Protein backbone atom coordinates (compact mmCIF):
# COMPACT_ATOMS: atom_id res chain seq x y z
CA MET A 1 -18.90 -11.50 32.43
CA VAL A 2 -21.81 -9.21 31.53
CA PHE A 3 -23.22 -9.81 28.05
CA GLY A 4 -22.16 -7.11 25.58
CA ARG A 5 -19.33 -5.83 27.76
CA SER A 6 -15.63 -6.56 27.84
CA GLU A 7 -13.97 -8.58 30.59
CA ARG A 8 -12.85 -5.38 32.32
CA GLY A 9 -16.42 -4.16 32.54
CA LYS A 10 -16.03 -1.58 29.77
CA PRO A 11 -18.49 -1.28 26.87
CA PRO A 12 -17.24 -2.99 23.70
CA VAL A 13 -15.35 -0.66 21.40
CA GLU A 14 -16.73 -0.08 17.91
CA PRO A 15 -13.56 0.21 15.81
CA VAL A 16 -12.97 2.83 13.16
CA THR A 17 -12.29 1.14 9.82
CA LEU A 18 -9.99 2.79 7.27
CA LYS A 19 -9.27 1.83 3.68
CA ILE A 20 -5.64 1.81 2.56
CA LEU A 21 -4.38 1.06 -0.95
CA VAL A 22 -1.13 -0.78 -1.67
CA ALA A 23 0.09 0.19 -5.13
CA GLY A 24 3.22 0.12 -7.26
CA GLY A 25 4.72 -1.52 -10.29
CA PHE A 26 4.52 -5.10 -11.49
CA GLY A 27 6.31 -7.54 -9.17
CA VAL A 28 7.19 -4.97 -6.49
CA GLY A 29 5.72 -6.93 -3.56
CA LYS A 30 2.15 -5.67 -3.11
CA THR A 31 0.64 -9.14 -2.67
CA THR A 32 3.49 -10.08 -0.35
CA LEU A 33 2.96 -7.04 1.90
CA VAL A 34 -0.79 -7.58 2.20
CA GLY A 35 -0.23 -11.25 3.00
CA ALA A 36 2.48 -10.49 5.56
CA VAL A 37 0.30 -8.26 7.75
CA SER A 38 -3.24 -9.55 7.19
CA GLU A 39 -4.83 -11.18 10.24
CA ILE A 40 -7.30 -12.96 7.98
CA ARG A 41 -6.49 -15.21 5.07
CA PRO A 42 -5.95 -12.62 2.32
CA LEU A 43 -8.15 -12.63 -0.75
CA ARG A 44 -5.95 -12.88 -3.82
CA THR A 45 -6.83 -12.70 -7.49
CA GLU A 46 -3.59 -14.04 -8.91
CA GLU A 47 -3.29 -15.82 -12.23
CA LEU A 48 -0.34 -17.59 -13.81
CA LEU A 49 1.71 -15.57 -16.26
CA THR A 50 1.32 -16.95 -19.76
CA GLU A 51 3.24 -16.89 -23.00
CA ALA A 52 0.54 -14.60 -24.40
CA GLY A 53 1.41 -11.98 -21.79
CA ARG A 54 5.16 -12.17 -22.32
CA PRO A 55 5.29 -9.28 -24.84
CA VAL A 56 3.52 -6.90 -22.40
CA ASP A 57 4.82 -8.11 -19.02
CA ASP A 58 8.35 -6.84 -18.44
CA LEU A 59 10.02 -9.39 -16.15
CA THR A 60 13.38 -7.63 -16.01
CA GLY A 61 14.54 -7.86 -12.40
CA VAL A 62 11.70 -10.22 -11.42
CA GLU A 63 12.45 -13.18 -13.66
CA GLY A 64 11.32 -15.63 -10.96
CA LYS A 65 7.77 -14.24 -10.88
CA HIS A 66 5.15 -16.70 -12.17
CA THR A 67 1.83 -15.10 -11.15
CA THR A 68 0.23 -11.67 -11.33
CA THR A 69 -2.68 -9.90 -9.61
CA VAL A 70 -5.52 -9.35 -12.08
CA ALA A 71 -8.05 -7.55 -9.86
CA MET A 72 -6.93 -6.89 -6.28
CA ASP A 73 -5.57 -8.32 -3.06
CA PHE A 74 -7.57 -7.81 0.13
CA GLY A 75 -6.50 -8.11 3.75
CA ARG A 76 -7.29 -6.73 7.19
CA ILE A 77 -5.14 -5.70 10.15
CA THR A 78 -6.17 -4.39 13.56
CA LEU A 79 -3.68 -1.71 14.62
CA ARG A 80 -5.49 -0.97 17.89
CA GLU A 81 -8.69 -2.13 19.54
CA ASP A 82 -10.40 0.89 18.01
CA LEU A 83 -8.64 1.00 14.61
CA VAL A 84 -8.87 -1.52 11.78
CA LEU A 85 -7.30 -1.16 8.34
CA TYR A 86 -8.75 -2.75 5.23
CA LEU A 87 -5.97 -3.23 2.70
CA PHE A 88 -6.55 -3.26 -1.04
CA GLY A 89 -3.60 -4.24 -3.23
CA THR A 90 -3.90 -2.84 -6.75
CA PRO A 91 -2.86 -4.67 -9.93
CA GLY A 92 0.48 -3.43 -11.20
CA GLN A 93 0.17 -3.89 -14.94
CA ASP A 94 -0.99 -1.13 -17.27
CA ARG A 95 -3.87 -3.15 -18.70
CA PHE A 96 -5.54 -3.41 -15.27
CA TRP A 97 -5.31 0.26 -14.31
CA PHE A 98 -9.00 0.80 -15.10
CA LEU A 99 -9.65 -0.89 -11.72
CA TRP A 100 -7.74 1.75 -9.77
CA ASP A 101 -10.54 4.35 -9.76
CA GLU A 102 -12.94 1.83 -8.23
CA LEU A 103 -10.41 0.66 -5.65
CA SER A 104 -9.39 4.19 -4.62
CA THR A 105 -12.94 5.31 -3.80
CA GLY A 106 -13.11 6.08 -0.09
CA ALA A 107 -9.43 5.40 0.56
CA LEU A 108 -7.79 7.31 3.43
CA GLY A 109 -4.33 6.93 1.90
CA ALA A 110 -1.95 4.66 0.03
CA VAL A 111 1.40 2.92 0.08
CA VAL A 112 3.41 3.14 -3.14
CA LEU A 113 5.88 0.26 -3.07
CA ALA A 114 9.12 0.86 -4.95
CA ASP A 115 11.93 -1.40 -6.12
CA THR A 116 15.23 0.42 -6.67
CA ARG A 117 16.04 -1.97 -9.55
CA ARG A 118 12.91 -0.75 -11.40
CA LEU A 119 12.21 2.61 -9.78
CA GLU A 120 10.51 3.99 -12.87
CA ASP A 121 7.74 1.39 -12.44
CA CYS A 122 6.22 3.32 -9.53
CA PHE A 123 6.04 6.69 -11.34
CA ALA A 124 2.50 5.98 -12.54
CA ALA A 125 1.26 5.24 -9.00
CA VAL A 126 2.93 8.38 -7.59
CA ASP A 127 1.36 10.46 -10.35
CA TYR A 128 -2.06 8.85 -9.82
CA PHE A 129 -2.22 9.70 -6.11
CA GLU A 130 -0.74 13.17 -6.57
CA ARG A 131 -3.32 14.09 -9.21
CA ARG A 132 -6.18 12.85 -7.03
CA SER A 133 -4.83 14.41 -3.81
CA ILE A 134 -4.75 11.04 -2.06
CA PRO A 135 -2.03 11.10 0.63
CA PHE A 136 0.60 8.40 0.20
CA VAL A 137 3.93 7.18 1.47
CA VAL A 138 6.64 5.46 -0.54
CA GLY A 139 7.81 2.14 0.86
CA VAL A 140 11.11 1.06 -0.67
CA ASN A 141 10.96 -2.74 -0.66
CA CYS A 142 14.55 -3.79 0.05
CA PHE A 143 15.00 -6.87 -2.12
CA ASP A 144 18.04 -9.00 -1.30
CA SER A 145 19.58 -8.38 -4.74
CA ALA A 146 18.76 -4.66 -4.93
CA ALA A 147 21.18 -1.81 -4.27
CA ARG A 148 20.41 0.22 -1.12
CA TYR A 149 20.04 3.99 -1.38
CA PRO A 150 19.29 6.63 1.26
CA ALA A 151 15.66 7.73 1.51
CA GLU A 152 16.55 11.22 0.28
CA SER A 153 18.12 9.79 -2.88
CA VAL A 154 14.90 7.91 -3.62
CA ARG A 155 12.88 11.07 -2.90
CA LYS A 156 14.93 13.05 -5.43
CA ALA A 157 14.76 10.29 -8.05
CA LEU A 158 10.94 10.22 -7.75
CA ASP A 159 10.68 14.04 -7.49
CA LEU A 160 8.55 13.78 -4.34
CA ASP A 161 7.41 16.68 -2.20
CA ASP A 162 9.26 17.05 1.08
CA GLU A 163 6.24 16.03 3.17
CA VAL A 164 5.84 12.62 1.49
CA PRO A 165 7.40 9.99 3.79
CA VAL A 166 9.90 7.56 2.27
CA ILE A 167 10.42 4.39 4.31
CA MET A 168 12.73 1.43 3.82
CA CYS A 169 10.91 -1.85 4.38
CA ASP A 170 10.86 -5.59 3.81
CA ALA A 171 7.41 -6.54 2.51
CA ARG A 172 7.95 -10.11 3.70
CA GLU A 173 8.29 -9.09 7.36
CA ARG A 174 5.09 -8.42 9.30
CA GLU A 175 6.55 -5.77 11.63
CA SER A 176 8.29 -3.93 8.80
CA ALA A 177 5.13 -3.87 6.69
CA LYS A 178 3.08 -2.84 9.72
CA ASP A 179 5.40 0.13 10.31
CA VAL A 180 4.71 1.31 6.75
CA LEU A 181 0.95 1.12 7.31
CA ILE A 182 1.20 3.05 10.58
CA GLU A 183 3.14 5.75 8.71
CA VAL A 184 0.41 5.92 6.06
CA VAL A 185 -2.29 6.48 8.69
CA LYS A 186 -0.24 9.16 10.47
CA HIS A 187 0.61 10.95 7.22
CA ALA A 188 -2.97 10.76 5.92
CA LEU A 189 -4.40 12.21 9.14
CA GLU A 190 -1.86 15.05 9.11
CA TYR A 191 -2.62 15.67 5.43
CA THR A 192 -6.35 15.74 6.11
CA ARG A 193 -5.95 18.18 9.00
CA GLY A 194 -3.70 20.42 6.91
CA ASN A 195 -6.16 20.51 4.00
CA ARG A 196 -9.35 20.91 6.02
CA ALA A 197 -11.28 24.00 5.01
CA PRO A 198 -11.34 26.67 7.75
CA VAL A 199 -14.62 27.08 9.61
CA THR A 200 -16.38 30.34 8.73
CA THR A 201 -18.93 32.07 10.88
């Protein structure tokens, strides 16, 4: 093997790295999704829920949740030899939203995770990315106890534009979560091409 070259004799590939946000309401599965696909041990900033937070943390539908992200989750996944995604999971509670502007800097696109039992919890994330023209997809995390609805029903309930992809997923399953991330990259690249300023001569 020649130093600095791959086993097939080709020069090593310098991968393109892209930043993707994983957002959504409290308890929707952001930490779970990042952990399911990350090829490194994910960085988590979770803290135990306390009695002091009970008045502001709505646990309806997620009564079994005992921790919450207070800064971000971070993971990495290699989609191809030449394409690596850095994943940043945002905190879901209102009092941590001041971190979103920092986390969204340089992001190619985002996943907005939704839970049909608490669909209104993802409105803020949808609005955030729409106002900042950051391309996003909606991943409907299909919890075991949640009712299942067609993608178009979710689209109408969230008042999404036709071009925003809506995907059913299971944030616990690596392949399912990976499919969502692939859709984000595809959608973001199409969005970027469609919004690129025309070249003038």
